[in-house]
N, C-alpha and C. Protein backbone atom coordinates (compact mmCIF):
# COMPACT_ATOMS: atom_id res chain seq x y z
N MET A 1 -1.26 -41.14 -7.35
CA MET A 1 -1.06 -39.81 -7.60
C MET A 1 -2.39 -39.26 -8.22
N MET A 2 -2.80 -38.10 -7.85
CA MET A 2 -3.96 -37.58 -8.45
C MET A 2 -3.55 -36.82 -9.75
N GLN A 3 -4.28 -37.04 -10.87
CA GLN A 3 -4.13 -36.36 -12.14
C GLN A 3 -5.31 -35.37 -12.26
N ILE A 4 -4.92 -34.14 -12.72
CA ILE A 4 -6.01 -33.08 -12.98
C ILE A 4 -6.50 -33.26 -14.36
N ASN A 5 -7.82 -33.45 -14.46
CA ASN A 5 -8.51 -33.62 -15.73
C ASN A 5 -8.39 -32.42 -16.52
N GLY A 6 -8.22 -32.51 -17.78
CA GLY A 6 -8.23 -31.33 -18.66
C GLY A 6 -9.66 -30.64 -18.72
N ASP A 7 -10.69 -31.40 -18.46
CA ASP A 7 -11.90 -30.85 -18.53
C ASP A 7 -12.39 -29.80 -17.37
N SER A 8 -11.60 -29.84 -16.38
CA SER A 8 -11.68 -29.03 -15.17
C SER A 8 -11.46 -27.43 -15.62
N SER A 9 -10.80 -27.23 -16.66
CA SER A 9 -10.39 -25.84 -16.95
C SER A 9 -11.67 -25.36 -17.81
N THR A 10 -12.52 -26.15 -18.38
CA THR A 10 -13.62 -25.77 -19.13
C THR A 10 -14.83 -25.59 -18.21
N ASN A 11 -14.81 -26.18 -17.13
CA ASN A 11 -15.96 -26.13 -16.24
C ASN A 11 -15.93 -24.82 -15.31
N LYS A 12 -16.83 -23.82 -15.61
CA LYS A 12 -16.76 -22.69 -15.19
C LYS A 12 -16.96 -22.51 -13.59
N HIS A 13 -17.50 -23.67 -13.06
CA HIS A 13 -17.93 -23.78 -11.59
C HIS A 13 -16.63 -24.43 -10.81
N SER A 14 -15.66 -24.70 -11.48
CA SER A 14 -14.38 -25.33 -10.76
C SER A 14 -13.71 -24.33 -9.95
N LEU A 15 -13.17 -24.90 -8.90
CA LEU A 15 -12.29 -24.04 -8.13
C LEU A 15 -11.05 -23.49 -8.85
N ILE A 16 -10.54 -24.23 -9.65
CA ILE A 16 -9.17 -23.77 -10.55
C ILE A 16 -9.69 -22.69 -11.42
N ASN A 17 -10.89 -22.76 -12.01
CA ASN A 17 -11.25 -21.74 -12.96
C ASN A 17 -11.51 -20.34 -12.17
N VAL A 18 -12.16 -20.48 -11.06
CA VAL A 18 -12.29 -19.22 -10.17
C VAL A 18 -11.03 -18.58 -9.84
N MET A 19 -10.03 -19.49 -9.36
CA MET A 19 -8.66 -19.06 -9.07
C MET A 19 -7.97 -18.38 -10.24
N HIS A 20 -8.19 -19.04 -11.39
CA HIS A 20 -7.54 -18.50 -12.66
C HIS A 20 -8.21 -17.11 -13.00
N ARG A 21 -9.50 -16.98 -12.92
CA ARG A 21 -10.01 -15.76 -13.14
C ARG A 21 -9.73 -14.59 -12.18
N PHE A 22 -9.43 -14.90 -10.94
CA PHE A 22 -8.82 -13.89 -10.00
C PHE A 22 -7.39 -13.61 -10.35
N MET A 23 -6.70 -14.56 -10.65
CA MET A 23 -5.37 -14.37 -10.94
C MET A 23 -5.18 -13.37 -12.32
N ALA A 24 -6.01 -13.84 -13.28
CA ALA A 24 -5.99 -13.01 -14.40
C ALA A 24 -6.42 -11.56 -14.17
N ALA A 25 -7.59 -11.41 -13.37
CA ALA A 25 -7.96 -10.02 -13.12
C ALA A 25 -6.90 -9.21 -12.26
N ALA A 26 -6.18 -9.95 -11.34
CA ALA A 26 -5.14 -9.33 -10.59
C ALA A 26 -4.02 -8.91 -11.44
N ASN A 27 -3.60 -9.83 -12.31
CA ASN A 27 -2.44 -9.52 -13.29
C ASN A 27 -2.90 -8.34 -14.24
N ASN A 28 -4.09 -8.32 -14.79
CA ASN A 28 -4.61 -7.14 -15.61
C ASN A 28 -4.50 -5.88 -14.78
N MET A 29 -4.85 -5.84 -13.44
CA MET A 29 -4.69 -4.79 -12.65
C MET A 29 -3.20 -4.29 -12.61
N ASP A 30 -2.36 -5.30 -12.38
CA ASP A 30 -0.96 -4.88 -12.21
C ASP A 30 -0.45 -4.23 -13.62
N GLU A 31 -0.79 -4.84 -14.70
CA GLU A 31 -0.30 -4.42 -15.96
C GLU A 31 -0.86 -2.97 -16.22
N THR A 32 -2.15 -2.69 -15.89
CA THR A 32 -2.86 -1.50 -16.17
C THR A 32 -2.40 -0.37 -15.24
N ILE A 33 -2.29 -0.61 -13.95
CA ILE A 33 -2.00 0.44 -12.94
C ILE A 33 -0.29 0.64 -13.03
N MET A 34 0.08 1.61 -13.76
CA MET A 34 1.46 1.80 -13.81
C MET A 34 1.95 2.73 -12.74
N VAL A 35 1.12 3.68 -12.27
CA VAL A 35 1.50 4.41 -11.17
C VAL A 35 0.55 4.36 -10.05
N PRO A 36 0.77 3.39 -9.16
CA PRO A 36 -0.30 3.11 -8.01
C PRO A 36 -0.45 4.14 -7.10
N SER A 37 0.57 5.09 -7.02
CA SER A 37 0.49 6.24 -6.05
C SER A 37 -0.73 7.12 -6.45
N LEU A 38 -1.07 7.19 -7.79
CA LEU A 38 -2.29 7.93 -8.08
C LEU A 38 -3.58 7.43 -7.50
N LEU A 39 -3.59 6.30 -6.94
CA LEU A 39 -4.84 5.74 -6.25
C LEU A 39 -5.02 6.39 -4.76
N ARG A 40 -3.91 6.96 -4.31
CA ARG A 40 -3.94 7.38 -2.95
C ARG A 40 -5.08 8.53 -2.77
N ASP A 41 -5.71 8.54 -1.74
CA ASP A 41 -6.76 9.49 -1.45
C ASP A 41 -7.98 9.46 -2.31
N LEU A 42 -8.09 8.44 -3.22
CA LEU A 42 -9.34 8.09 -4.06
C LEU A 42 -10.05 7.24 -3.21
N PRO A 43 -11.36 7.53 -2.91
CA PRO A 43 -12.29 6.57 -2.04
C PRO A 43 -12.53 5.39 -2.97
N LEU A 44 -12.91 4.30 -2.23
CA LEU A 44 -13.14 3.12 -2.95
C LEU A 44 -14.29 3.20 -3.94
N ASP A 45 -15.44 3.74 -3.27
CA ASP A 45 -16.71 3.93 -4.15
C ASP A 45 -16.63 5.39 -4.69
N GLU A 46 -17.12 5.58 -5.76
CA GLU A 46 -17.30 6.97 -6.34
C GLU A 46 -18.41 7.66 -5.60
N GLN A 47 -19.38 6.83 -5.12
CA GLN A 47 -20.48 7.34 -4.33
C GLN A 47 -20.05 7.79 -2.96
N ALA A 48 -19.01 7.16 -2.48
CA ALA A 48 -18.37 7.56 -1.17
C ALA A 48 -18.18 8.99 -1.17
N CYS A 49 -17.53 9.67 -2.10
CA CYS A 49 -17.34 11.10 -2.03
C CYS A 49 -18.50 11.83 -1.75
N SER A 50 -19.64 11.71 -2.26
CA SER A 50 -20.98 12.38 -2.03
C SER A 50 -21.41 12.03 -0.64
N GLN A 51 -21.32 10.70 -0.27
CA GLN A 51 -21.84 10.27 0.95
C GLN A 51 -20.99 10.81 2.05
N GLY A 52 -19.71 11.09 1.89
CA GLY A 52 -18.78 11.54 2.95
C GLY A 52 -19.00 13.02 3.09
N GLU A 53 -19.40 13.67 1.99
CA GLU A 53 -19.72 15.10 2.29
C GLU A 53 -21.11 15.29 2.91
N ALA A 54 -21.98 14.48 2.56
CA ALA A 54 -23.33 14.54 3.10
C ALA A 54 -23.36 14.24 4.58
N ASN A 55 -22.61 13.12 4.99
CA ASN A 55 -22.67 12.69 6.39
C ASN A 55 -21.25 12.78 6.99
N ASN A 56 -21.09 13.89 7.73
CA ASN A 56 -19.72 14.23 8.21
C ASN A 56 -19.47 13.34 9.54
N ASN A 57 -20.43 12.75 10.07
CA ASN A 57 -20.30 11.89 11.33
C ASN A 57 -19.51 10.60 11.22
N GLU A 58 -19.66 10.07 9.97
CA GLU A 58 -19.00 8.76 9.66
C GLU A 58 -18.15 8.80 8.44
N PRO A 59 -17.07 8.01 8.52
CA PRO A 59 -16.06 8.01 7.39
C PRO A 59 -16.80 7.49 6.32
N PRO A 60 -16.52 7.82 4.96
CA PRO A 60 -17.18 7.51 3.77
C PRO A 60 -16.90 5.95 3.43
N CYS A 61 -16.06 5.45 3.90
CA CYS A 61 -15.76 4.01 3.67
C CYS A 61 -15.45 3.31 5.03
N SER A 62 -16.35 2.22 5.42
CA SER A 62 -16.21 1.65 6.54
C SER A 62 -15.28 0.39 6.51
N ASN A 63 -14.82 0.18 5.18
CA ASN A 63 -13.78 -0.83 5.21
C ASN A 63 -12.53 -0.56 5.86
N LYS A 64 -11.60 -1.45 5.99
CA LYS A 64 -10.32 -1.30 6.49
C LYS A 64 -9.46 -0.45 5.61
N GLN A 65 -9.69 -0.68 4.33
CA GLN A 65 -8.87 -0.02 3.15
C GLN A 65 -9.66 1.40 3.02
N ARG A 66 -8.88 2.47 3.40
CA ARG A 66 -9.40 3.76 3.35
C ARG A 66 -9.47 4.38 2.04
N ASP A 67 -8.47 3.81 1.13
CA ASP A 67 -8.57 4.55 -0.29
C ASP A 67 -8.25 3.39 -1.24
N MET A 68 -8.36 3.70 -2.53
CA MET A 68 -8.01 2.74 -3.65
C MET A 68 -6.55 2.13 -3.48
N TYR A 69 -5.59 2.93 -3.02
CA TYR A 69 -4.24 2.45 -2.98
C TYR A 69 -4.20 1.34 -2.02
N GLU A 70 -4.82 1.39 -0.82
CA GLU A 70 -4.74 0.33 0.16
C GLU A 70 -5.44 -0.79 -0.33
N HIS A 71 -6.47 -0.64 -1.11
CA HIS A 71 -7.29 -1.87 -1.64
C HIS A 71 -6.28 -2.49 -2.74
N TYR A 72 -5.60 -1.71 -3.46
CA TYR A 72 -4.65 -2.27 -4.44
C TYR A 72 -3.61 -3.17 -3.92
N LEU A 73 -3.12 -2.57 -2.82
CA LEU A 73 -2.12 -3.27 -2.02
C LEU A 73 -2.67 -4.70 -1.45
N LEU A 74 -3.92 -4.69 -0.80
CA LEU A 74 -4.48 -5.82 -0.35
C LEU A 74 -4.67 -6.82 -1.51
N LEU A 75 -5.18 -6.36 -2.60
CA LEU A 75 -5.28 -7.36 -3.84
C LEU A 75 -4.00 -7.96 -4.24
N LYS A 76 -3.02 -7.12 -4.34
CA LYS A 76 -1.66 -7.74 -4.62
C LYS A 76 -1.20 -8.67 -3.56
N SER A 77 -1.45 -8.38 -2.36
CA SER A 77 -0.93 -9.26 -1.17
C SER A 77 -1.59 -10.63 -1.38
N ILE A 78 -2.96 -10.58 -1.59
CA ILE A 78 -3.69 -11.72 -1.69
C ILE A 78 -3.28 -12.53 -2.93
N LYS A 79 -3.00 -11.89 -3.98
CA LYS A 79 -2.54 -12.63 -5.25
C LYS A 79 -1.17 -13.33 -4.88
N ASN A 80 -0.30 -12.48 -4.22
CA ASN A 80 0.99 -13.13 -3.84
C ASN A 80 0.84 -14.26 -2.95
N ASP A 81 -0.10 -14.29 -1.97
CA ASP A 81 -0.28 -15.41 -1.20
C ASP A 81 -0.74 -16.59 -1.89
N MET A 82 -1.57 -16.35 -2.87
CA MET A 82 -2.05 -17.46 -3.78
C MET A 82 -1.01 -18.15 -4.57
N GLU A 83 -0.06 -17.21 -5.06
CA GLU A 83 0.90 -17.61 -5.95
C GLU A 83 2.07 -18.52 -5.24
N TRP A 84 2.46 -17.97 -3.98
CA TRP A 84 3.57 -18.45 -3.34
C TRP A 84 3.17 -19.15 -2.05
N GLY A 85 1.86 -19.09 -1.65
CA GLY A 85 1.50 -19.78 -0.40
C GLY A 85 1.78 -18.92 0.84
N LEU A 86 1.07 -19.29 1.97
CA LEU A 86 1.39 -18.51 3.26
C LEU A 86 2.63 -19.02 3.73
N LEU A 87 3.13 -20.20 3.42
CA LEU A 87 4.45 -20.63 4.14
C LEU A 87 5.50 -19.63 3.74
N ARG A 88 5.63 -19.20 2.64
CA ARG A 88 6.59 -18.16 2.25
C ARG A 88 6.64 -16.92 3.19
N ARG A 89 5.29 -16.41 3.54
CA ARG A 89 5.15 -15.21 4.30
C ARG A 89 5.58 -15.55 5.71
N GLU A 90 5.32 -16.66 6.20
CA GLU A 90 5.67 -17.15 7.60
C GLU A 90 7.11 -17.33 7.67
N MET A 91 7.75 -17.92 6.66
CA MET A 91 9.18 -18.23 6.54
C MET A 91 9.95 -16.92 6.66
N SER A 92 9.53 -15.98 5.86
CA SER A 92 10.12 -14.57 5.87
C SER A 92 10.21 -13.99 7.19
N SER A 93 9.36 -14.40 8.20
CA SER A 93 9.40 -13.83 9.60
C SER A 93 10.45 -14.34 10.34
N GLY A 94 11.29 -15.33 9.91
CA GLY A 94 12.41 -15.87 10.54
C GLY A 94 12.26 -17.24 11.04
N ALA A 95 11.14 -17.71 11.27
CA ALA A 95 10.89 -19.15 11.81
C ALA A 95 11.13 -20.08 10.67
N SER A 96 11.80 -21.27 11.02
CA SER A 96 12.07 -22.22 10.22
C SER A 96 10.83 -23.12 9.96
N PHE A 97 10.94 -23.77 8.89
CA PHE A 97 9.69 -24.70 8.64
C PHE A 97 9.46 -25.76 9.58
N LEU A 98 10.59 -26.28 10.30
CA LEU A 98 10.38 -27.24 11.32
C LEU A 98 9.92 -26.61 12.67
N GLU A 99 10.35 -25.39 12.86
CA GLU A 99 9.77 -24.62 14.10
C GLU A 99 8.23 -24.32 13.78
N MET A 100 7.94 -23.95 12.72
CA MET A 100 6.48 -23.73 12.36
C MET A 100 5.71 -24.95 12.56
N ALA A 101 6.12 -26.12 12.06
CA ALA A 101 5.40 -27.30 12.10
C ALA A 101 5.22 -27.80 13.63
N VAL A 102 6.31 -27.64 14.40
CA VAL A 102 6.12 -28.00 15.94
C VAL A 102 5.34 -27.13 16.50
N LYS A 103 5.33 -25.88 16.18
CA LYS A 103 4.54 -24.80 17.00
C LYS A 103 2.89 -25.18 16.50
N GLN A 104 2.67 -25.57 15.29
CA GLN A 104 1.31 -25.92 14.86
C GLN A 104 0.88 -27.21 15.59
N GLU A 105 1.74 -28.19 15.71
CA GLU A 105 1.44 -29.34 16.40
C GLU A 105 1.06 -29.15 17.83
N GLU A 106 1.81 -28.21 18.41
CA GLU A 106 1.53 -27.90 19.87
C GLU A 106 0.13 -27.18 20.04
N GLN A 107 -0.20 -26.54 19.17
CA GLN A 107 -1.44 -25.76 19.13
C GLN A 107 -2.60 -26.64 18.97
N GLN A 108 -2.54 -27.68 18.48
CA GLN A 108 -3.60 -28.68 18.12
C GLN A 108 -3.92 -29.56 19.29
N PRO A 109 -5.04 -29.86 19.79
CA PRO A 109 -5.31 -30.75 20.87
C PRO A 109 -5.14 -32.07 20.41
N VAL A 110 -4.68 -33.12 21.33
CA VAL A 110 -4.36 -34.45 21.04
C VAL A 110 -5.64 -35.17 21.26
N THR A 111 -6.28 -35.73 19.99
CA THR A 111 -7.59 -36.29 20.29
C THR A 111 -7.62 -37.88 19.80
N GLY A 112 -6.40 -38.36 19.42
CA GLY A 112 -6.37 -39.73 18.87
C GLY A 112 -7.07 -39.87 17.53
N ALA A 113 -7.49 -41.05 17.25
CA ALA A 113 -8.21 -41.37 15.97
C ALA A 113 -9.39 -40.63 15.79
N LEU A 114 -9.85 -40.21 14.43
CA LEU A 114 -10.98 -39.55 14.33
C LEU A 114 -12.20 -40.61 14.15
N PRO A 115 -13.22 -40.40 15.02
CA PRO A 115 -14.34 -41.12 14.78
C PRO A 115 -15.15 -40.95 13.50
N LEU A 116 -16.01 -41.81 13.09
CA LEU A 116 -16.75 -41.59 11.82
C LEU A 116 -17.46 -40.29 11.81
N ASP A 117 -18.06 -39.87 12.91
CA ASP A 117 -18.72 -38.56 12.86
C ASP A 117 -17.89 -37.42 12.45
N ASP A 118 -16.70 -37.41 12.78
CA ASP A 118 -15.72 -36.50 12.53
C ASP A 118 -15.38 -36.47 11.02
N ASN A 119 -15.38 -37.60 10.46
CA ASN A 119 -15.17 -37.56 9.10
C ASN A 119 -16.32 -36.93 8.23
N ALA A 120 -17.56 -37.17 8.62
CA ALA A 120 -18.70 -36.43 8.00
C ALA A 120 -18.64 -34.92 8.42
N ASP A 121 -18.24 -34.77 9.56
CA ASP A 121 -17.88 -33.24 9.79
C ASP A 121 -16.97 -32.56 8.96
N LEU A 122 -15.83 -33.38 8.69
CA LEU A 122 -14.74 -32.86 7.65
C LEU A 122 -15.50 -32.55 6.36
N GLU A 123 -16.20 -33.51 5.90
CA GLU A 123 -16.96 -33.29 4.57
C GLU A 123 -17.72 -31.95 4.58
N ARG A 124 -18.44 -31.83 5.68
CA ARG A 124 -19.41 -30.62 5.89
C ARG A 124 -18.45 -29.30 5.83
N GLN A 125 -17.32 -29.45 6.67
CA GLN A 125 -16.55 -28.33 6.73
C GLN A 125 -15.69 -27.94 5.45
N PHE A 126 -15.38 -28.93 4.66
CA PHE A 126 -14.89 -28.83 3.47
C PHE A 126 -15.87 -28.10 2.52
N HIS A 127 -17.07 -28.61 2.43
CA HIS A 127 -18.06 -27.87 1.56
C HIS A 127 -18.37 -26.40 2.07
N TYR A 128 -18.21 -26.24 3.23
CA TYR A 128 -18.62 -24.87 3.82
C TYR A 128 -17.52 -23.89 3.37
N HIS A 129 -16.26 -24.35 3.60
CA HIS A 129 -15.10 -23.68 3.18
C HIS A 129 -14.95 -23.43 1.75
N LEU A 130 -15.38 -24.42 0.97
CA LEU A 130 -15.22 -24.30 -0.47
C LEU A 130 -16.17 -23.21 -1.05
N ARG A 131 -17.42 -23.25 -0.48
CA ARG A 131 -18.42 -22.25 -0.87
C ARG A 131 -17.78 -20.80 -0.45
N GLY A 132 -17.34 -20.77 0.76
CA GLY A 132 -16.86 -19.42 1.06
C GLY A 132 -15.58 -18.98 0.24
N LEU A 133 -14.82 -19.92 -0.22
CA LEU A 133 -13.69 -19.64 -1.06
C LEU A 133 -14.09 -19.11 -2.40
N PHE A 134 -15.24 -19.92 -2.91
CA PHE A 134 -15.72 -19.37 -4.28
C PHE A 134 -16.35 -17.98 -4.11
N GLY A 135 -17.10 -17.61 -2.99
CA GLY A 135 -17.64 -16.46 -2.79
C GLY A 135 -16.51 -15.27 -2.66
N VAL A 136 -15.48 -15.62 -1.85
CA VAL A 136 -14.41 -14.59 -1.65
C VAL A 136 -13.71 -14.38 -2.98
N LEU A 137 -13.25 -15.37 -3.70
CA LEU A 137 -12.57 -15.28 -4.92
C LEU A 137 -13.37 -14.51 -5.98
N SER A 138 -14.55 -14.82 -5.90
CA SER A 138 -15.54 -14.15 -6.93
C SER A 138 -15.56 -12.54 -6.66
N LYS A 139 -15.69 -12.17 -5.34
CA LYS A 139 -15.82 -10.83 -4.93
C LYS A 139 -14.41 -10.23 -5.19
N LEU A 140 -13.32 -10.85 -4.96
CA LEU A 140 -12.02 -10.40 -5.14
C LEU A 140 -11.74 -10.12 -6.65
N THR A 141 -12.26 -10.95 -7.53
CA THR A 141 -12.12 -10.60 -9.06
C THR A 141 -12.84 -9.48 -9.34
N LEU A 142 -14.04 -9.35 -8.94
CA LEU A 142 -14.92 -8.08 -9.31
C LEU A 142 -14.12 -6.90 -8.71
N GLN A 143 -13.68 -6.87 -7.61
CA GLN A 143 -12.87 -5.79 -7.00
C GLN A 143 -11.78 -5.31 -7.80
N ALA A 144 -10.94 -6.48 -8.28
CA ALA A 144 -9.77 -6.15 -9.13
C ALA A 144 -10.15 -5.59 -10.34
N ASP A 145 -11.22 -6.14 -11.03
CA ASP A 145 -11.86 -5.44 -12.26
C ASP A 145 -12.30 -4.10 -12.02
N ASN A 146 -13.02 -3.93 -10.87
CA ASN A 146 -13.52 -2.53 -10.60
C ASN A 146 -12.43 -1.46 -10.44
N LEU A 147 -11.37 -2.05 -9.72
CA LEU A 147 -10.29 -1.14 -9.46
C LEU A 147 -9.42 -0.76 -10.79
N THR A 148 -9.52 -1.74 -11.60
CA THR A 148 -8.73 -1.44 -13.05
C THR A 148 -9.57 -0.48 -13.85
N SER A 149 -10.82 -0.65 -13.82
CA SER A 149 -11.81 0.27 -14.57
C SER A 149 -11.65 1.64 -13.95
N ARG A 150 -11.86 1.62 -12.70
CA ARG A 150 -11.73 3.11 -12.09
C ARG A 150 -10.47 3.78 -12.35
N TYR A 151 -9.38 3.01 -12.23
CA TYR A 151 -8.02 3.70 -12.57
C TYR A 151 -8.00 4.29 -13.97
N LYS A 152 -8.67 3.35 -14.93
CA LYS A 152 -8.74 3.91 -16.30
C LYS A 152 -9.52 5.21 -16.43
N ARG A 153 -10.68 5.18 -15.66
CA ARG A 153 -11.43 6.35 -15.67
C ARG A 153 -10.79 7.52 -15.15
N GLU A 154 -10.01 7.33 -14.07
CA GLU A 154 -9.42 8.62 -13.45
C GLU A 154 -8.25 9.03 -14.39
N ILE A 155 -7.65 8.10 -15.00
CA ILE A 155 -6.51 8.54 -15.89
C ILE A 155 -7.16 9.14 -17.07
N GLY A 156 -8.29 8.70 -17.66
CA GLY A 156 -9.02 9.36 -18.69
C GLY A 156 -9.39 10.84 -18.34
N ARG A 157 -9.87 11.04 -17.08
CA ARG A 157 -10.12 12.30 -16.70
C ARG A 157 -9.01 13.26 -16.73
N ALA A 158 -7.98 12.71 -16.23
CA ALA A 158 -6.66 13.46 -16.13
C ALA A 158 -6.35 13.88 -17.49
N GLN A 159 -6.39 13.00 -18.36
CA GLN A 159 -5.91 13.24 -19.83
C GLN A 159 -6.87 14.32 -20.51
N LYS A 160 -8.23 14.16 -20.25
CA LYS A 160 -9.15 15.05 -20.71
C LYS A 160 -8.93 16.34 -20.32
N THR A 161 -8.55 16.49 -18.97
CA THR A 161 -8.32 17.88 -18.47
C THR A 161 -7.16 18.38 -18.99
N TYR A 162 -6.10 17.67 -19.22
CA TYR A 162 -4.80 18.11 -19.91
C TYR A 162 -4.99 18.46 -21.21
N LYS A 163 -5.83 17.70 -21.97
CA LYS A 163 -6.14 18.08 -23.34
C LYS A 163 -6.85 19.37 -23.59
N THR A 164 -7.89 19.55 -22.65
CA THR A 164 -8.59 20.79 -22.51
C THR A 164 -7.69 21.97 -22.16
N TYR A 165 -6.68 21.78 -21.27
CA TYR A 165 -5.75 22.87 -21.02
C TYR A 165 -4.86 23.09 -22.17
N GLN A 166 -4.48 22.10 -23.01
CA GLN A 166 -3.64 22.26 -24.17
C GLN A 166 -4.52 23.14 -25.23
N ILE A 167 -5.86 22.64 -25.49
CA ILE A 167 -6.68 23.35 -26.35
C ILE A 167 -6.79 24.91 -26.06
N ASP A 168 -7.06 25.03 -24.64
CA ASP A 168 -7.22 26.46 -24.12
C ASP A 168 -5.83 27.25 -24.42
N GLN A 169 -4.77 26.70 -24.10
CA GLN A 169 -3.37 27.28 -24.49
C GLN A 169 -3.22 27.63 -25.79
N ARG A 170 -3.72 26.80 -26.75
CA ARG A 170 -3.59 27.00 -28.21
C ARG A 170 -4.55 28.22 -28.62
N ARG A 171 -5.70 28.18 -28.21
CA ARG A 171 -6.55 29.31 -28.26
C ARG A 171 -6.04 30.58 -27.96
N GLU A 172 -5.45 30.54 -26.74
CA GLU A 172 -4.94 31.84 -26.12
C GLU A 172 -3.78 32.29 -26.95
N TYR A 173 -2.93 31.32 -27.47
CA TYR A 173 -1.79 31.77 -28.31
C TYR A 173 -2.23 32.20 -29.59
N ARG A 174 -3.32 31.72 -30.20
CA ARG A 174 -3.96 32.20 -31.41
C ARG A 174 -4.40 33.58 -31.20
N LEU A 175 -5.22 33.86 -30.13
CA LEU A 175 -5.67 35.18 -29.82
C LEU A 175 -4.51 36.05 -29.69
N MET A 176 -3.48 35.78 -29.03
CA MET A 176 -2.28 36.61 -28.86
C MET A 176 -1.71 37.00 -30.15
N ASP A 177 -1.57 35.78 -31.05
CA ASP A 177 -0.86 36.06 -32.42
C ASP A 177 -1.79 37.05 -33.11
N LYS A 178 -3.17 36.76 -33.18
CA LYS A 178 -4.16 37.65 -33.88
C LYS A 178 -4.03 39.07 -33.34
N TRP A 179 -4.02 39.29 -32.12
CA TRP A 179 -4.02 40.55 -31.65
C TRP A 179 -2.75 41.23 -31.90
N THR A 180 -1.57 40.49 -31.87
CA THR A 180 -0.25 41.02 -32.19
C THR A 180 -0.34 41.46 -33.65
N ASN A 181 -0.72 40.56 -34.44
CA ASN A 181 -0.76 40.92 -36.06
C ASN A 181 -1.68 42.06 -36.20
N ASP A 182 -2.78 42.19 -35.65
CA ASP A 182 -3.81 43.23 -35.87
C ASP A 182 -3.19 44.69 -35.33
N ASN A 183 -2.35 44.58 -34.23
CA ASN A 183 -1.82 45.82 -33.58
C ASN A 183 -0.32 46.06 -33.95
N MET A 184 0.14 45.33 -34.89
CA MET A 184 1.56 45.63 -35.31
C MET A 184 1.79 47.00 -35.90
N PHE A 185 0.72 47.59 -36.46
CA PHE A 185 0.85 48.83 -36.79
C PHE A 185 1.23 49.94 -35.66
N PHE A 186 0.86 49.56 -34.49
CA PHE A 186 1.02 50.55 -33.39
C PHE A 186 2.40 50.36 -32.75
N PHE A 187 3.01 49.23 -33.01
CA PHE A 187 4.36 48.95 -32.33
C PHE A 187 5.54 49.68 -33.27
């Protein structure tokens, strides 16, 4: 049985560390974004707003996620897949574990024993996919952090606008009170 060394958590280049960083960023995003529907119709990039207005021929965001809300849902879905695995998603589609295993075996060609060259190929494939996984998880972590920061900025703008409105209302009431007090003689 393989034991996980305690030093792997301190190695910033370990897969486990990269996975933990993404999970932490996704959890922070979940805890921060209390009203996800506020993300609807907000473009992924703040620059996309100006680009979209300047170039009417192309959509401002060429990603499949059209707005921050869809991107938020994508990040939550990936986090869920990492926590619970793909099997849970596939099992919720109604197929049993046995049916999925049989289906997977039927899709794989029968080749017999692996030659030595295939073992070397497996190592190359492993390193290729490991690099890809590092890259994807790092990008997803940045995207979750950016989404959280952007949400905070948008909420901050809304709060500033509301505070400005409250200040303007107070000034208006003070002016009305002053005018009323100054003109009490005429009533």
